[in-house]
Amino acid sequence: MSTVGPGEATELWLRWKRAHEMVRAAVIAETTAASGVSESELSVLACLHESGGSLRQNALAAALGWDRTRLSHLLTRMADRGYVTRDKLPNGMEVALRPAGRHTINATLPTLETATRRHLLDRLGPDDAKTLKALIDRLLSGEGVAAEAKTGAPGVGAKRGRPPSSGTVMRMLRDHNTGIAELDAGADDASNGRSPSPAPEP
């Protein structure tokens, strides 16, 4: 049970949001510049990489927290660019990394690691980092259950019988504020060789 006073919850939320957006913007700017893909495309590649190279499309949408129709449009563009394949199954669609997509995410991981350390971990002490991880794990403890109840699709980790990991690449990239319009805009920008548009303010 929270013990914060009146107005403190709103202040905490705004400070959390500002810190998240500041760190995220810095990490994503470096990472997308190195990879040559948009944030949305990079999120898909990272999620597939984390899942062993392939994932059902509905599970991918649930893991990213994105609208399935708009994700389908993005995957079509990514397939056209040679990053992924989409194969029909009797009860759905499977998305898998192609060599170009696998090469892109493998080449990007060192930059992501370095940027995350510089803009997040290096600004915290060792004990602070452990505390932050514990708090995030607590906040995310019911995420997989909630996603499965909402969509009927298992979380990313369900493919290998393990819970989603809070310290993984996909979670560092994922932005829960990504809207449908931003997803489309980011994919369009990437396909035209432009940097993705910034996220709109809520």
N, C-alpha and C. Protein backbone atom coordinates (compact mmCIF):
# COMPACT_ATOMS: atom_id res chain seq x y z
N MET A 1 0.85 -1.19 0.00
CA MET A 1 0.00 0.00 0.00
C MET A 1 0.88 1.24 0.00
N SER A 2 0.61 2.18 -0.92
CA SER A 2 1.40 3.40 -1.03
C SER A 2 1.11 4.34 0.14
N THR A 3 2.16 5.06 0.58
CA THR A 3 1.99 6.02 1.67
C THR A 3 2.24 7.45 1.20
N VAL A 4 2.28 7.69 -0.11
CA VAL A 4 2.51 9.04 -0.61
C VAL A 4 1.30 9.91 -0.35
N GLY A 5 1.56 11.20 -0.17
CA GLY A 5 0.48 12.14 0.11
C GLY A 5 -0.21 12.62 -1.14
N PRO A 6 -1.23 13.50 -0.96
CA PRO A 6 -1.98 14.03 -2.09
C PRO A 6 -1.06 14.76 -3.07
N GLY A 7 -1.20 14.47 -4.32
CA GLY A 7 -0.39 15.10 -5.35
C GLY A 7 0.96 14.46 -5.58
N GLU A 8 1.45 13.68 -4.61
CA GLU A 8 2.78 13.09 -4.75
C GLU A 8 2.79 12.00 -5.82
N ALA A 9 1.69 11.29 -5.97
CA ALA A 9 1.64 10.23 -6.98
C ALA A 9 1.78 10.83 -8.38
N THR A 10 1.09 11.95 -8.62
CA THR A 10 1.19 12.60 -9.93
C THR A 10 2.59 13.11 -10.17
N GLU A 11 3.19 13.71 -9.15
CA GLU A 11 4.57 14.21 -9.29
C GLU A 11 5.54 13.07 -9.57
N LEU A 12 5.36 11.96 -8.87
CA LEU A 12 6.24 10.81 -9.09
C LEU A 12 6.07 10.26 -10.50
N TRP A 13 4.83 10.18 -10.95
CA TRP A 13 4.57 9.70 -12.31
C TRP A 13 5.26 10.58 -13.34
N LEU A 14 5.12 11.91 -13.18
CA LEU A 14 5.73 12.83 -14.15
C LEU A 14 7.25 12.74 -14.14
N ARG A 15 7.84 12.58 -12.96
CA ARG A 15 9.29 12.46 -12.87
C ARG A 15 9.76 11.13 -13.48
N TRP A 16 9.01 10.04 -13.20
CA TRP A 16 9.31 8.74 -13.80
C TRP A 16 9.26 8.83 -15.32
N LYS A 17 8.19 9.45 -15.84
CA LYS A 17 7.99 9.58 -17.28
C LYS A 17 9.12 10.40 -17.90
N ARG A 18 9.50 11.49 -17.24
CA ARG A 18 10.55 12.35 -17.79
C ARG A 18 11.89 11.61 -17.82
N ALA A 19 12.20 10.89 -16.74
CA ALA A 19 13.46 10.14 -16.69
C ALA A 19 13.47 9.03 -17.76
N HIS A 20 12.35 8.32 -17.88
CA HIS A 20 12.24 7.26 -18.88
C HIS A 20 12.46 7.81 -20.28
N GLU A 21 11.79 8.92 -20.59
CA GLU A 21 11.89 9.47 -21.94
C GLU A 21 13.28 10.02 -22.22
N MET A 22 13.93 10.60 -21.21
CA MET A 22 15.26 11.14 -21.39
C MET A 22 16.27 10.02 -21.70
N VAL A 23 16.24 8.96 -20.89
CA VAL A 23 17.17 7.85 -21.10
C VAL A 23 16.84 7.13 -22.40
N ARG A 24 15.56 6.86 -22.61
CA ARG A 24 15.15 6.16 -23.82
C ARG A 24 15.59 6.90 -25.08
N ALA A 25 15.37 8.21 -25.11
CA ALA A 25 15.71 9.00 -26.30
C ALA A 25 17.20 8.92 -26.60
N ALA A 26 18.02 9.00 -25.55
CA ALA A 26 19.47 8.95 -25.75
C ALA A 26 19.92 7.58 -26.24
N VAL A 27 19.40 6.53 -25.62
CA VAL A 27 19.78 5.17 -26.02
C VAL A 27 19.31 4.86 -27.43
N ILE A 28 18.05 5.20 -27.74
CA ILE A 28 17.50 4.90 -29.05
C ILE A 28 18.20 5.70 -30.15
N ALA A 29 18.56 6.95 -29.88
CA ALA A 29 19.23 7.77 -30.88
C ALA A 29 20.55 7.12 -31.30
N GLU A 30 21.31 6.66 -30.34
CA GLU A 30 22.59 6.02 -30.66
C GLU A 30 22.38 4.68 -31.35
N THR A 31 21.40 3.92 -30.87
CA THR A 31 21.21 2.57 -31.37
C THR A 31 20.65 2.56 -32.79
N THR A 32 19.65 3.39 -33.06
CA THR A 32 19.08 3.41 -34.40
C THR A 32 20.06 4.00 -35.41
N ALA A 33 20.89 4.96 -34.97
CA ALA A 33 21.90 5.52 -35.87
C ALA A 33 22.90 4.45 -36.30
N ALA A 34 23.23 3.56 -35.37
CA ALA A 34 24.18 2.49 -35.68
C ALA A 34 23.56 1.39 -36.52
N SER A 35 22.27 1.14 -36.34
CA SER A 35 21.63 0.01 -37.02
C SER A 35 21.07 0.35 -38.39
N GLY A 36 20.69 1.62 -38.59
CA GLY A 36 20.09 2.02 -39.85
C GLY A 36 18.63 1.64 -40.00
N VAL A 37 17.99 1.24 -38.90
CA VAL A 37 16.56 0.92 -38.93
C VAL A 37 15.84 1.79 -37.92
N SER A 38 14.52 1.85 -38.04
CA SER A 38 13.73 2.65 -37.11
C SER A 38 13.62 1.94 -35.76
N GLU A 39 13.17 2.68 -34.75
CA GLU A 39 12.97 2.09 -33.44
C GLU A 39 11.97 0.93 -33.49
N SER A 40 10.89 1.10 -34.24
CA SER A 40 9.88 0.05 -34.34
C SER A 40 10.47 -1.20 -34.97
N GLU A 41 11.22 -1.05 -36.04
CA GLU A 41 11.85 -2.20 -36.69
C GLU A 41 12.86 -2.86 -35.77
N LEU A 42 13.63 -2.04 -35.07
CA LEU A 42 14.62 -2.59 -34.16
C LEU A 42 13.96 -3.36 -33.02
N SER A 43 12.82 -2.87 -32.55
CA SER A 43 12.08 -3.58 -31.50
C SER A 43 11.63 -4.95 -31.97
N VAL A 44 11.15 -5.03 -33.21
CA VAL A 44 10.73 -6.32 -33.76
C VAL A 44 11.92 -7.26 -33.88
N LEU A 45 13.03 -6.77 -34.42
CA LEU A 45 14.22 -7.61 -34.58
C LEU A 45 14.73 -8.11 -33.24
N ALA A 46 14.74 -7.23 -32.24
CA ALA A 46 15.23 -7.62 -30.92
C ALA A 46 14.32 -8.66 -30.27
N CYS A 47 13.02 -8.48 -30.45
CA CYS A 47 12.06 -9.42 -29.86
C CYS A 47 12.21 -10.80 -30.49
N LEU A 48 12.36 -10.85 -31.80
CA LEU A 48 12.55 -12.12 -32.49
C LEU A 48 13.88 -12.76 -32.09
N HIS A 49 14.91 -11.94 -31.98
CA HIS A 49 16.22 -12.44 -31.55
C HIS A 49 16.13 -13.07 -30.17
N GLU A 50 15.43 -12.39 -29.27
CA GLU A 50 15.31 -12.86 -27.90
C GLU A 50 14.51 -14.16 -27.83
N SER A 51 13.63 -14.37 -28.80
CA SER A 51 12.77 -15.55 -28.80
C SER A 51 13.36 -16.71 -29.58
N GLY A 52 14.62 -16.59 -29.97
CA GLY A 52 15.28 -17.68 -30.68
C GLY A 52 15.20 -17.59 -32.19
N GLY A 53 14.69 -16.46 -32.71
CA GLY A 53 14.67 -16.25 -34.15
C GLY A 53 13.31 -16.27 -34.80
N SER A 54 12.30 -16.77 -34.09
CA SER A 54 10.96 -16.80 -34.68
C SER A 54 9.91 -16.72 -33.58
N LEU A 55 8.72 -16.28 -33.99
CA LEU A 55 7.63 -16.10 -33.03
C LEU A 55 6.33 -15.99 -33.81
N ARG A 56 5.26 -16.50 -33.23
CA ARG A 56 3.95 -16.29 -33.86
C ARG A 56 3.61 -14.80 -33.85
N GLN A 57 2.93 -14.36 -34.90
CA GLN A 57 2.68 -12.94 -35.05
C GLN A 57 1.82 -12.38 -33.91
N ASN A 58 0.82 -13.14 -33.45
CA ASN A 58 -0.01 -12.63 -32.37
C ASN A 58 0.79 -12.54 -31.06
N ALA A 59 1.73 -13.46 -30.84
CA ALA A 59 2.56 -13.40 -29.66
C ALA A 59 3.54 -12.23 -29.75
N LEU A 60 4.02 -11.94 -30.95
CA LEU A 60 4.91 -10.80 -31.16
C LEU A 60 4.18 -9.49 -30.85
N ALA A 61 2.94 -9.37 -31.32
CA ALA A 61 2.14 -8.17 -31.05
C ALA A 61 1.91 -8.01 -29.55
N ALA A 62 1.60 -9.12 -28.87
CA ALA A 62 1.36 -9.06 -27.42
C ALA A 62 2.63 -8.68 -26.67
N ALA A 63 3.76 -9.23 -27.08
CA ALA A 63 5.02 -8.94 -26.40
C ALA A 63 5.42 -7.48 -26.54
N LEU A 64 5.15 -6.90 -27.70
CA LEU A 64 5.50 -5.51 -27.94
C LEU A 64 4.42 -4.54 -27.46
N GLY A 65 3.21 -5.05 -27.21
CA GLY A 65 2.12 -4.18 -26.79
C GLY A 65 1.58 -3.33 -27.92
N TRP A 66 1.65 -3.84 -29.15
CA TRP A 66 1.23 -3.09 -30.33
C TRP A 66 -0.05 -3.65 -30.92
N ASP A 67 -0.77 -2.82 -31.66
CA ASP A 67 -1.95 -3.23 -32.39
C ASP A 67 -1.54 -4.23 -33.47
N ARG A 68 -2.26 -5.34 -33.57
CA ARG A 68 -1.85 -6.42 -34.48
C ARG A 68 -1.97 -6.03 -35.95
N THR A 69 -2.97 -5.22 -36.29
CA THR A 69 -3.13 -4.81 -37.68
C THR A 69 -1.98 -3.92 -38.12
N ARG A 70 -1.64 -2.95 -37.27
CA ARG A 70 -0.55 -2.05 -37.62
C ARG A 70 0.79 -2.78 -37.63
N LEU A 71 0.96 -3.74 -36.70
CA LEU A 71 2.18 -4.55 -36.71
C LEU A 71 2.29 -5.33 -38.02
N SER A 72 1.16 -5.82 -38.51
CA SER A 72 1.16 -6.56 -39.77
C SER A 72 1.67 -5.70 -40.91
N HIS A 73 1.27 -4.43 -40.95
CA HIS A 73 1.75 -3.52 -41.99
C HIS A 73 3.26 -3.33 -41.89
N LEU A 74 3.76 -3.16 -40.66
CA LEU A 74 5.20 -2.98 -40.46
C LEU A 74 5.96 -4.23 -40.89
N LEU A 75 5.44 -5.41 -40.55
CA LEU A 75 6.11 -6.65 -40.92
C LEU A 75 6.15 -6.83 -42.43
N THR A 76 5.12 -6.37 -43.12
CA THR A 76 5.13 -6.44 -44.58
C THR A 76 6.28 -5.61 -45.13
N ARG A 77 6.47 -4.42 -44.58
CA ARG A 77 7.58 -3.57 -45.03
C ARG A 77 8.93 -4.21 -44.71
N MET A 78 9.02 -4.80 -43.51
CA MET A 78 10.27 -5.42 -43.11
C MET A 78 10.57 -6.66 -43.96
N ALA A 79 9.53 -7.38 -44.35
CA ALA A 79 9.73 -8.52 -45.24
C ALA A 79 10.21 -8.05 -46.61
N ASP A 80 9.66 -6.94 -47.09
CA ASP A 80 10.09 -6.38 -48.37
C ASP A 80 11.56 -5.94 -48.33
N ARG A 81 12.02 -5.54 -47.15
CA ARG A 81 13.41 -5.10 -47.00
C ARG A 81 14.35 -6.26 -46.68
N GLY A 82 13.80 -7.46 -46.55
CA GLY A 82 14.62 -8.64 -46.36
C GLY A 82 15.00 -8.94 -44.93
N TYR A 83 14.33 -8.32 -43.94
CA TYR A 83 14.67 -8.53 -42.53
C TYR A 83 13.97 -9.75 -41.93
N VAL A 84 12.74 -10.01 -42.36
CA VAL A 84 11.96 -11.10 -41.77
C VAL A 84 11.21 -11.85 -42.86
N THR A 85 10.75 -13.05 -42.49
CA THR A 85 9.82 -13.80 -43.33
C THR A 85 8.53 -14.00 -42.55
N ARG A 86 7.43 -14.20 -43.26
CA ARG A 86 6.14 -14.47 -42.63
C ARG A 86 5.56 -15.71 -43.30
N ASP A 87 5.42 -16.75 -42.52
CA ASP A 87 4.93 -18.03 -43.04
C ASP A 87 3.57 -18.36 -42.43
N LYS A 88 2.61 -18.74 -43.29
CA LYS A 88 1.28 -19.09 -42.81
C LYS A 88 1.31 -20.44 -42.12
N LEU A 89 0.63 -20.51 -41.00
CA LEU A 89 0.44 -21.75 -40.27
C LEU A 89 -1.04 -22.08 -40.25
N PRO A 90 -1.41 -23.31 -39.88
CA PRO A 90 -2.84 -23.67 -39.86
C PRO A 90 -3.68 -22.74 -38.99
N ASN A 91 -3.09 -22.21 -37.92
CA ASN A 91 -3.88 -21.36 -37.02
C ASN A 91 -3.21 -20.02 -36.74
N GLY A 92 -2.51 -19.50 -37.74
CA GLY A 92 -1.90 -18.19 -37.55
C GLY A 92 -0.75 -17.94 -38.50
N MET A 93 0.17 -17.09 -38.09
CA MET A 93 1.31 -16.69 -38.90
C MET A 93 2.56 -16.71 -38.04
N GLU A 94 3.65 -17.22 -38.60
CA GLU A 94 4.92 -17.21 -37.89
C GLU A 94 5.86 -16.20 -38.54
N VAL A 95 6.52 -15.40 -37.71
CA VAL A 95 7.48 -14.41 -38.18
C VAL A 95 8.87 -14.89 -37.79
N ALA A 96 9.80 -14.85 -38.73
CA ALA A 96 11.15 -15.34 -38.45
C ALA A 96 12.19 -14.38 -39.01
N LEU A 97 13.34 -14.33 -38.36
CA LEU A 97 14.44 -13.51 -38.83
C LEU A 97 15.05 -14.09 -40.10
N ARG A 98 15.36 -13.24 -41.05
CA ARG A 98 16.16 -13.62 -42.21
C ARG A 98 17.61 -13.25 -41.90
N PRO A 99 18.56 -13.72 -42.70
CA PRO A 99 19.96 -13.40 -42.42
C PRO A 99 20.23 -11.90 -42.26
N ALA A 100 19.59 -11.07 -43.09
CA ALA A 100 19.81 -9.62 -42.98
C ALA A 100 19.31 -9.08 -41.64
N GLY A 101 18.17 -9.58 -41.19
CA GLY A 101 17.65 -9.15 -39.89
C GLY A 101 18.51 -9.64 -38.75
N ARG A 102 18.97 -10.88 -38.85
CA ARG A 102 19.84 -11.43 -37.80
C ARG A 102 21.16 -10.66 -37.73
N HIS A 103 21.72 -10.35 -38.90
CA HIS A 103 22.97 -9.59 -38.94
C HIS A 103 22.78 -8.21 -38.33
N THR A 104 21.64 -7.57 -38.65
CA THR A 104 21.38 -6.21 -38.13
C THR A 104 21.30 -6.19 -36.62
N ILE A 105 20.53 -7.11 -36.03
CA ILE A 105 20.39 -7.08 -34.58
C ILE A 105 21.69 -7.51 -33.89
N ASN A 106 22.40 -8.49 -34.45
CA ASN A 106 23.67 -8.91 -33.85
C ASN A 106 24.69 -7.78 -33.88
N ALA A 107 24.70 -7.01 -34.97
CA ALA A 107 25.64 -5.90 -35.08
C ALA A 107 25.26 -4.73 -34.19
N THR A 108 23.97 -4.65 -33.82
CA THR A 108 23.47 -3.53 -33.03
C THR A 108 23.61 -3.75 -31.53
N LEU A 109 23.61 -5.01 -31.09
CA LEU A 109 23.62 -5.30 -29.66
C LEU A 109 24.77 -4.65 -28.90
N PRO A 110 26.01 -4.64 -29.42
CA PRO A 110 27.08 -3.96 -28.67
C PRO A 110 26.82 -2.47 -28.47
N THR A 111 26.26 -1.81 -29.49
CA THR A 111 25.93 -0.39 -29.36
C THR A 111 24.84 -0.18 -28.33
N LEU A 112 23.84 -1.04 -28.34
CA LEU A 112 22.76 -0.94 -27.37
C LEU A 112 23.29 -1.12 -25.95
N GLU A 113 24.15 -2.10 -25.77
CA GLU A 113 24.74 -2.35 -24.45
C GLU A 113 25.54 -1.14 -23.97
N THR A 114 26.38 -0.60 -24.85
CA THR A 114 27.22 0.55 -24.49
C THR A 114 26.37 1.78 -24.18
N ALA A 115 25.37 2.04 -25.03
CA ALA A 115 24.51 3.22 -24.83
C ALA A 115 23.71 3.10 -23.54
N THR A 116 23.21 1.91 -23.24
CA THR A 116 22.43 1.72 -22.03
C THR A 116 23.30 1.89 -20.79
N ARG A 117 24.52 1.39 -20.85
CA ARG A 117 25.43 1.58 -19.72
C ARG A 117 25.75 3.06 -19.52
N ARG A 118 26.02 3.76 -20.61
CA ARG A 118 26.40 5.17 -20.50
C ARG A 118 25.27 6.04 -19.99
N HIS A 119 24.07 5.83 -20.50
CA HIS A 119 22.96 6.72 -20.18
C HIS A 119 22.11 6.27 -19.00
N LEU A 120 22.31 5.03 -18.52
CA LEU A 120 21.52 4.54 -17.40
C LEU A 120 22.40 4.01 -16.28
N LEU A 121 23.09 2.90 -16.51
CA LEU A 121 23.81 2.24 -15.42
C LEU A 121 24.95 3.07 -14.87
N ASP A 122 25.67 3.77 -15.74
CA ASP A 122 26.80 4.56 -15.25
C ASP A 122 26.36 5.74 -14.40
N ARG A 123 25.09 6.09 -14.46
CA ARG A 123 24.56 7.19 -13.65
C ARG A 123 23.99 6.70 -12.32
N LEU A 124 24.06 5.38 -12.12
CA LEU A 124 23.59 4.78 -10.88
C LEU A 124 24.74 4.04 -10.22
N GLY A 125 24.68 3.92 -8.91
CA GLY A 125 25.63 3.08 -8.21
C GLY A 125 25.23 1.62 -8.33
N PRO A 126 26.14 0.68 -8.00
CA PRO A 126 25.81 -0.75 -8.08
C PRO A 126 24.56 -1.11 -7.29
N ASP A 127 24.42 -0.56 -6.08
CA ASP A 127 23.24 -0.86 -5.27
C ASP A 127 21.99 -0.24 -5.88
N ASP A 128 22.15 0.96 -6.48
CA ASP A 128 21.00 1.61 -7.12
C ASP A 128 20.48 0.78 -8.28
N ALA A 129 21.40 0.24 -9.07
CA ALA A 129 21.01 -0.57 -10.22
C ALA A 129 20.25 -1.82 -9.77
N LYS A 130 20.72 -2.45 -8.71
CA LYS A 130 20.04 -3.64 -8.19
C LYS A 130 18.65 -3.29 -7.67
N THR A 131 18.55 -2.14 -6.99
CA THR A 131 17.25 -1.71 -6.48
C THR A 131 16.28 -1.40 -7.61
N LEU A 132 16.80 -0.72 -8.64
CA LEU A 132 15.95 -0.39 -9.79
C LEU A 132 15.45 -1.66 -10.47
N LYS A 133 16.31 -2.63 -10.66
CA LYS A 133 15.90 -3.89 -11.28
C LYS A 133 14.83 -4.58 -10.44
N ALA A 134 15.02 -4.59 -9.12
CA ALA A 134 14.04 -5.24 -8.24
C ALA A 134 12.68 -4.54 -8.34
N LEU A 135 12.69 -3.22 -8.38
CA LEU A 135 11.44 -2.47 -8.48
C LEU A 135 10.75 -2.73 -9.81
N ILE A 136 11.54 -2.74 -10.89
CA ILE A 136 10.96 -3.01 -12.21
C ILE A 136 10.38 -4.41 -12.27
N ASP A 137 11.12 -5.37 -11.71
CA ASP A 137 10.61 -6.74 -11.69
C ASP A 137 9.28 -6.83 -10.94
N ARG A 138 9.18 -6.07 -9.86
CA ARG A 138 7.94 -6.08 -9.08
C ARG A 138 6.78 -5.49 -9.89
N LEU A 139 7.07 -4.39 -10.59
CA LEU A 139 6.03 -3.76 -11.39
C LEU A 139 5.60 -4.64 -12.56
N LEU A 140 6.53 -5.42 -13.09
CA LEU A 140 6.25 -6.25 -14.26
C LEU A 140 5.84 -7.67 -13.90
N SER A 141 5.72 -7.97 -12.63
CA SER A 141 5.50 -9.35 -12.21
C SER A 141 4.24 -9.96 -12.79
N GLY A 142 3.20 -9.15 -13.04
CA GLY A 142 1.97 -9.69 -13.58
C GLY A 142 1.79 -9.43 -15.05
N GLU A 143 2.85 -8.96 -15.73
CA GLU A 143 2.72 -8.56 -17.13
C GLU A 143 2.34 -9.73 -18.04
N GLY A 144 3.02 -10.86 -17.92
CA GLY A 144 2.74 -11.99 -18.79
C GLY A 144 1.33 -12.51 -18.62
N VAL A 145 0.89 -12.59 -17.38
CA VAL A 145 -0.46 -13.07 -17.10
C VAL A 145 -1.49 -12.12 -17.69
N ALA A 146 -1.27 -10.80 -17.51
CA ALA A 146 -2.21 -9.82 -18.03
C ALA A 146 -2.27 -9.86 -19.55
N ALA A 147 -1.11 -10.00 -20.21
CA ALA A 147 -1.08 -10.03 -21.67
C ALA A 147 -1.79 -11.26 -22.21
N GLU A 148 -1.58 -12.39 -21.56
CA GLU A 148 -2.21 -13.62 -22.03
C GLU A 148 -3.72 -13.56 -21.84
N ALA A 149 -4.17 -12.98 -20.73
CA ALA A 149 -5.61 -12.87 -20.47
C ALA A 149 -6.27 -11.94 -21.50
N LYS A 150 -5.53 -10.91 -21.92
CA LYS A 150 -6.09 -9.94 -22.84
C LYS A 150 -6.12 -10.43 -24.27
N THR A 151 -5.05 -11.13 -24.69
CA THR A 151 -4.90 -11.49 -26.09
C THR A 151 -5.05 -12.97 -26.37
N GLY A 152 -4.92 -13.79 -25.34
CA GLY A 152 -4.94 -15.23 -25.57
C GLY A 152 -3.62 -15.76 -26.08
N ALA A 153 -2.61 -14.86 -26.19
CA ALA A 153 -1.29 -15.25 -26.70
C ALA A 153 -0.30 -15.27 -25.55
N PRO A 154 0.59 -16.25 -25.51
CA PRO A 154 1.60 -16.29 -24.46
C PRO A 154 2.62 -15.19 -24.65
N GLY A 155 3.31 -14.81 -23.56
CA GLY A 155 4.37 -13.83 -23.64
C GLY A 155 5.55 -14.38 -24.39
N VAL A 156 6.54 -13.52 -24.63
CA VAL A 156 7.71 -13.91 -25.39
C VAL A 156 8.38 -15.14 -24.79
N GLY A 157 8.51 -15.17 -23.47
CA GLY A 157 9.24 -16.24 -22.84
C GLY A 157 8.52 -17.57 -22.86
N ALA A 158 7.23 -17.58 -23.19
CA ALA A 158 6.47 -18.82 -23.13
C ALA A 158 6.94 -19.85 -24.13
N LYS A 159 7.61 -19.41 -25.20
CA LYS A 159 8.05 -20.34 -26.21
C LYS A 159 9.01 -21.37 -25.65
N ARG A 160 9.84 -20.96 -24.68
CA ARG A 160 10.79 -21.88 -24.08
C ARG A 160 10.43 -22.20 -22.65
N GLY A 161 9.18 -21.87 -22.25
CA GLY A 161 8.75 -22.17 -20.91
C GLY A 161 9.40 -21.33 -19.85
N ARG A 162 9.77 -20.10 -20.17
CA ARG A 162 10.39 -19.23 -19.19
C ARG A 162 9.65 -17.90 -19.16
N PRO A 163 9.64 -17.18 -18.03
CA PRO A 163 8.95 -15.90 -17.96
C PRO A 163 9.74 -14.83 -18.69
N PRO A 164 9.07 -13.78 -19.18
CA PRO A 164 9.80 -12.69 -19.81
C PRO A 164 10.82 -12.12 -18.85
N SER A 165 11.99 -11.79 -19.35
CA SER A 165 13.06 -11.26 -18.52
C SER A 165 13.07 -9.74 -18.55
N SER A 166 13.10 -9.12 -17.38
CA SER A 166 13.05 -7.66 -17.32
C SER A 166 14.34 -7.02 -17.76
N GLY A 167 15.43 -7.77 -17.83
CA GLY A 167 16.71 -7.18 -18.19
C GLY A 167 17.10 -7.44 -19.62
N THR A 168 16.16 -7.79 -20.49
CA THR A 168 16.49 -8.20 -21.84
C THR A 168 16.50 -7.04 -22.81
N VAL A 169 17.03 -7.34 -24.00
CA VAL A 169 17.12 -6.32 -25.04
C VAL A 169 15.76 -5.78 -25.43
N MET A 170 14.80 -6.69 -25.60
CA MET A 170 13.48 -6.24 -26.04
C MET A 170 12.88 -5.24 -25.09
N ARG A 171 13.02 -5.47 -23.77
CA ARG A 171 12.41 -4.56 -22.81
C ARG A 171 13.12 -3.21 -22.79
N MET A 172 14.43 -3.19 -23.04
CA MET A 172 15.13 -1.92 -23.09
C MET A 172 14.64 -1.09 -24.27
N LEU A 173 14.28 -1.76 -25.35
CA LEU A 173 13.84 -1.04 -26.54
C LEU A 173 12.38 -0.66 -26.51
N ARG A 174 11.56 -1.52 -25.90
CA ARG A 174 10.11 -1.33 -26.00
C ARG A 174 9.66 -0.04 -25.36
N ASP A 175 8.76 0.65 -26.03
CA ASP A 175 8.21 1.90 -25.52
C ASP A 175 6.71 1.76 -25.45
N HIS A 176 6.17 1.69 -24.23
CA HIS A 176 4.73 1.47 -24.08
C HIS A 176 3.91 2.68 -24.53
N ASN A 177 4.56 3.83 -24.78
CA ASN A 177 3.82 5.00 -25.24
C ASN A 177 3.71 5.05 -26.75
N THR A 178 4.30 4.06 -27.46
CA THR A 178 4.24 4.06 -28.92
C THR A 178 2.79 3.89 -29.36
N GLY A 179 2.28 4.87 -30.09
CA GLY A 179 0.91 4.81 -30.58
C GLY A 179 0.85 4.24 -31.98
N ILE A 180 -0.35 3.99 -32.44
CA ILE A 180 -0.53 3.43 -33.77
C ILE A 180 0.02 4.37 -34.83
N ALA A 181 -0.27 5.66 -34.69
CA ALA A 181 0.21 6.62 -35.69
C ALA A 181 1.73 6.65 -35.72
N GLU A 182 2.36 6.60 -34.55
CA GLU A 182 3.82 6.64 -34.49
C GLU A 182 4.42 5.40 -35.12
N LEU A 183 3.78 4.25 -34.91
CA LEU A 183 4.28 3.01 -35.48
C LEU A 183 4.27 3.09 -37.00
N ASP A 184 3.18 3.58 -37.58
CA ASP A 184 3.11 3.75 -39.02
C ASP A 184 4.13 4.76 -39.51
N ALA A 185 4.24 5.89 -38.79
CA ALA A 185 5.16 6.94 -39.21
C ALA A 185 6.60 6.45 -39.16
N GLY A 186 6.93 5.72 -38.11
CA GLY A 186 8.29 5.21 -37.98
C GLY A 186 8.63 4.25 -39.10
N ALA A 187 7.70 3.40 -39.46
CA ALA A 187 7.95 2.44 -40.53
C ALA A 187 8.07 3.16 -41.87
N ASP A 188 7.21 4.17 -42.10
CA ASP A 188 7.29 4.93 -43.35
C ASP A 188 8.60 5.68 -43.44
N ASP A 189 9.02 6.31 -42.34
CA ASP A 189 10.27 7.04 -42.33
C ASP A 189 11.44 6.13 -42.64
N ALA A 190 11.44 4.93 -42.01
CA ALA A 190 12.55 4.00 -42.21
C ALA A 190 12.62 3.53 -43.65
N SER A 191 11.46 3.27 -44.24
CA SER A 191 11.45 2.77 -45.61
C SER A 191 11.90 3.84 -46.60
N ASN A 192 11.82 5.12 -46.17
CA ASN A 192 12.27 6.22 -47.01
C ASN A 192 13.65 6.72 -46.64
N GLY A 193 14.32 6.01 -45.74
CA GLY A 193 15.67 6.38 -45.37
C GLY A 193 15.77 7.54 -44.41
N ARG A 194 14.65 7.87 -43.70
CA ARG A 194 14.67 8.97 -42.75
C ARG A 194 14.66 8.43 -41.35
N SER A 195 15.08 9.28 -40.40
CA SER A 195 15.02 8.89 -38.99
C SER A 195 13.58 8.87 -38.56
N PRO A 196 13.19 7.97 -37.65
CA PRO A 196 11.80 7.91 -37.19
C PRO A 196 11.38 9.16 -36.48
N SER A 197 10.08 9.49 -36.61
CA SER A 197 9.54 10.69 -35.97
C SER A 197 9.52 10.52 -34.47
N PRO A 198 9.72 11.62 -33.70
CA PRO A 198 9.66 11.50 -32.24
C PRO A 198 8.28 11.16 -31.77
N ALA A 199 8.20 10.55 -30.59
CA ALA A 199 6.91 10.18 -30.02
C ALA A 199 6.11 11.41 -29.67
N PRO A 200 4.80 11.42 -29.96
CA PRO A 200 3.96 12.57 -29.60
C PRO A 200 3.75 12.62 -28.09
N GLU A 201 3.60 13.82 -27.59
CA GLU A 201 3.32 13.99 -26.16
C GLU A 201 1.90 13.53 -25.88
N PRO A 202 1.67 12.83 -24.73
CA PRO A 202 0.31 12.38 -24.41
C PRO A 202 -0.58 13.55 -24.06
